[in-house]
């Protein structure tokens, strides 16, 4: 015995049913944007490469010494340490009222373009009861922030400072970066001068 099944209703009824009106639309394929590509439009760069498009869970404050921070273009910075300077040259001498110290910073260029290290400056403030460190330059072992860092290259640079002893040894190191790309995030690292 054969049973024939037929549908009820007209074609117009089936076209208006929810199942018939559903349409599957494929989303565009996800792609990675090369933020160093100079042919990107301003809208593409803002959407994919600006600091505003970076994940909001990436902290820029209270980073511990030794913890890296990466800008959107791939340049990574780590404040390795702040250490009392004692390797004085023949013509240098310490100030008994101040703590003279050298900060070691590691830069790792994970981008596809060279980075100008002269675009980076360091500010150091006392973290306990105020005070701002004065920039200094100690002769021996200095590796100043200058020149270019090629893609895929890491380097350790130094920044020398003097802070009055009354402000203690806990410091906040702010790494400022200025360039035509407009980096707004200035990471702050907190640690102790050893």
Protein backbone atom coordinates (compact mmCIF):
# COMPACT_ATOMS: atom_id res chain seq x y z
CA UNK A 1 0.00 0.00 0.00
CA UNK A 2 1.34 3.38 -1.03
CA UNK A 3 0.37 6.57 0.67
CA UNK A 4 0.83 9.88 -1.07
CA UNK A 5 1.57 12.92 1.04
CA UNK A 6 0.58 16.31 -0.19
CA UNK A 7 1.10 19.69 1.39
CA UNK A 8 -1.68 21.99 2.28
CA UNK A 9 -1.66 25.63 1.47
CA UNK A 10 -0.47 27.71 -1.41
CA UNK A 11 3.04 28.68 -2.49
CA UNK A 12 2.56 32.11 -1.00
CA UNK A 13 1.87 30.55 2.41
CA UNK A 14 5.14 28.61 2.35
CA UNK A 15 7.12 31.65 1.27
CA UNK A 16 5.91 33.60 4.29
CA UNK A 17 6.67 30.85 6.77
CA UNK A 18 9.64 31.54 9.10
CA UNK A 19 11.59 28.53 7.81
CA UNK A 20 11.35 29.64 4.21
CA UNK A 21 12.34 33.26 4.92
CA UNK A 22 15.55 32.35 6.80
CA UNK A 23 18.61 33.03 4.76
CA UNK A 24 22.11 31.94 5.64
CA UNK A 25 24.65 34.68 5.13
CA UNK A 26 28.31 33.87 5.44
CA UNK A 27 30.35 36.34 7.41
CA UNK A 28 33.40 37.76 5.72
CA UNK A 29 36.57 35.80 6.39
CA UNK A 30 38.60 37.01 9.35
CA UNK A 31 41.97 38.40 8.33
CA UNK A 32 44.94 39.83 10.12
CA UNK A 33 45.74 43.46 9.39
CA UNK A 34 49.36 44.48 8.94
CA UNK A 35 49.46 47.73 10.92
CA UNK A 36 52.80 48.71 9.38
CA UNK A 37 51.23 48.67 5.89
CA UNK A 38 51.27 52.30 4.77
CA UNK A 39 48.52 51.71 2.19
CA UNK A 40 45.89 51.11 4.92
CA UNK A 41 43.09 53.64 4.93
CA UNK A 42 42.64 55.80 8.03
CA UNK A 43 39.41 53.93 8.84
CA UNK A 44 41.11 50.50 8.59
CA UNK A 45 44.03 51.65 10.73
CA UNK A 46 41.75 53.19 13.38
CA UNK A 47 39.58 50.06 13.52
CA UNK A 48 42.45 47.56 13.70
CA UNK A 49 45.63 49.28 14.84
CA UNK A 50 44.94 52.28 17.07
CA UNK A 51 45.30 52.10 20.83
CA UNK A 52 41.51 52.38 21.10
CA UNK A 53 41.17 49.06 19.23
CA UNK A 54 43.61 47.29 21.56
CA UNK A 55 42.04 44.93 24.09
CA UNK A 56 40.82 46.91 27.09
CA UNK A 57 42.17 44.28 29.49
CA UNK A 58 45.80 45.20 28.68
CA UNK A 59 46.91 47.25 31.70
CA UNK A 60 49.12 50.30 31.28
CA UNK A 61 49.51 51.18 34.97
CA UNK A 62 51.10 49.39 37.95
CA UNK A 63 53.07 46.99 35.76
CA UNK A 64 55.78 45.27 37.78
CA UNK A 65 59.43 45.48 36.79
CA UNK A 66 60.11 42.47 34.57
CA UNK A 67 56.62 42.41 33.03
CA UNK A 68 56.46 43.38 29.30
CA UNK A 69 54.10 45.85 27.68
CA UNK A 70 53.42 45.74 23.91
CA UNK A 71 52.16 48.61 21.79
CA UNK A 72 49.70 47.85 18.96
CA UNK A 73 52.45 47.89 16.32
CA UNK A 74 54.38 45.08 18.06
CA UNK A 75 57.13 46.99 19.90
CA UNK A 76 57.46 45.50 23.39
CA UNK A 77 59.14 47.18 26.39
CA UNK A 78 60.14 45.73 29.76
CA UNK A 79 61.68 47.63 32.66
CA UNK A 80 64.22 45.02 33.69
CA UNK A 81 65.54 46.74 36.84
CA UNK A 82 66.50 49.96 38.58
CA UNK A 83 69.84 49.63 40.34
CA UNK A 84 71.97 52.02 42.40
CA UNK A 85 74.86 53.17 40.24
CA UNK A 86 78.32 52.69 41.74
CA UNK A 87 80.68 52.27 38.79
CA UNK A 88 81.88 55.87 38.77
CA UNK A 89 84.49 57.08 36.30
CA UNK A 90 87.49 59.14 37.34
CA UNK A 91 85.61 62.43 36.80
CA UNK A 92 82.27 61.47 38.40
CA UNK A 93 81.27 61.32 42.04
CA UNK A 94 78.03 60.47 43.85
CA UNK A 95 75.83 63.04 45.59
CA UNK A 96 75.42 62.04 49.27
CA UNK A 97 71.88 63.54 49.37
CA UNK A 98 70.61 61.57 46.37
CA UNK A 99 70.19 58.04 45.08
CA UNK A 100 71.81 57.74 41.69
CA UNK A 101 70.52 54.80 39.71
CA UNK A 102 70.44 53.22 36.28
CA UNK A 103 67.30 51.76 34.74
CA UNK A 104 67.72 48.88 32.30
CA UNK A 105 64.98 48.55 29.68
CA UNK A 106 64.56 45.76 27.16
CA UNK A 107 63.02 46.58 23.80
CA UNK A 108 61.85 43.76 21.53
CA UNK A 109 60.74 44.79 18.05
CA UNK A 110 58.13 42.23 17.00
CA UNK A 111 56.80 44.46 14.22
CA UNK A 112 57.68 44.38 10.52
CA UNK A 113 59.26 47.85 10.49
CA UNK A 114 62.26 49.47 12.15
CA UNK A 115 61.51 51.50 15.29
CA UNK A 116 63.23 54.78 16.10
CA UNK A 117 64.32 54.58 19.75
CA UNK A 118 64.74 58.36 19.82
CA UNK A 119 60.91 58.53 19.88
CA UNK A 120 60.99 57.06 23.41
CA UNK A 121 61.55 58.98 26.62
CA UNK A 122 61.56 57.91 30.25
CA UNK A 123 60.05 59.75 33.24
CA UNK A 124 60.71 58.59 36.79
CA UNK A 125 58.73 59.62 39.88
CA UNK A 126 58.99 58.61 43.52
CA UNK A 127 56.21 56.14 44.35
CA UNK A 128 56.09 56.63 48.13
CA UNK A 129 55.86 60.31 49.01
CA UNK A 130 56.40 62.17 45.75
CA UNK A 131 59.46 63.54 44.07
CA UNK A 132 60.61 63.44 40.49
CA UNK A 133 63.95 62.02 39.42
CA UNK A 134 66.35 64.16 37.46
CA UNK A 135 67.74 62.71 34.27
CA UNK A 136 71.45 62.06 34.40
CA UNK A 137 74.12 60.38 32.31
CA UNK A 138 76.72 58.09 33.83
CA UNK A 139 79.72 57.38 31.66
CA UNK A 140 80.47 53.68 32.19
CA UNK A 141 78.18 51.07 30.69
CA UNK A 142 75.74 53.55 29.19
CA UNK A 143 73.45 52.36 26.35
CA UNK A 144 71.24 55.40 25.61
CA UNK A 145 67.89 55.35 23.82
CA UNK A 146 68.97 56.30 20.33
CA UNK A 147 69.16 54.88 16.83
CA UNK A 148 66.86 52.37 15.20
CA UNK A 149 65.84 48.89 16.24
CA UNK A 150 65.33 46.57 13.25
CA UNK A 151 62.36 44.18 12.99
CA UNK A 152 62.92 40.97 14.96
CA UNK A 153 65.71 42.50 17.07
CA UNK A 154 65.80 42.92 20.87
CA UNK A 155 68.15 45.24 22.76
CA UNK A 156 68.74 46.39 26.33
CA UNK A 157 69.09 50.16 26.79
CA UNK A 158 69.78 52.28 29.85
CA UNK A 159 68.36 55.45 31.39
CA UNK A 160 70.28 57.16 34.25
CA UNK A 161 68.58 59.16 37.02
CA UNK A 162 69.05 60.90 40.35
CA UNK A 163 66.35 60.99 43.07
CA UNK A 164 66.67 62.75 46.40
CA UNK A 165 66.99 60.20 49.21
CA UNK A 166 64.04 61.72 51.10
CA UNK A 167 61.72 60.29 48.41
CA UNK A 168 62.73 56.69 49.08
CA UNK A 169 63.59 53.94 46.62
CA UNK A 170 60.17 52.94 45.27
CA UNK A 171 59.68 54.46 41.82
CA UNK A 172 57.23 54.65 38.94
CA UNK A 173 58.88 54.51 35.51
CA UNK A 174 56.74 55.91 32.69
CA UNK A 175 57.76 54.99 29.14
CA UNK A 176 56.53 57.67 26.73
CA UNK A 177 56.49 57.10 23.01
CA UNK A 178 55.84 59.75 20.38
CA UNK A 179 55.60 59.16 16.66
CA UNK A 180 53.49 59.94 13.63
CA UNK A 181 51.37 56.87 14.49
CA UNK A 182 50.05 58.63 17.62
CA UNK A 183 50.66 56.17 20.45
CA UNK A 184 48.45 57.28 23.34
CA UNK A 185 49.33 54.56 25.85
CA UNK A 186 52.28 55.35 28.12
CA UNK A 187 52.89 52.27 30.29
CA UNK A 188 53.87 52.81 33.93
CA UNK A 189 56.13 50.29 35.68
CA UNK A 190 56.42 50.22 39.47
CA UNK A 191 59.40 48.82 41.35
CA UNK A 192 62.22 49.42 43.80
CA UNK A 193 65.73 50.71 43.22
CA UNK A 194 68.00 47.86 44.38
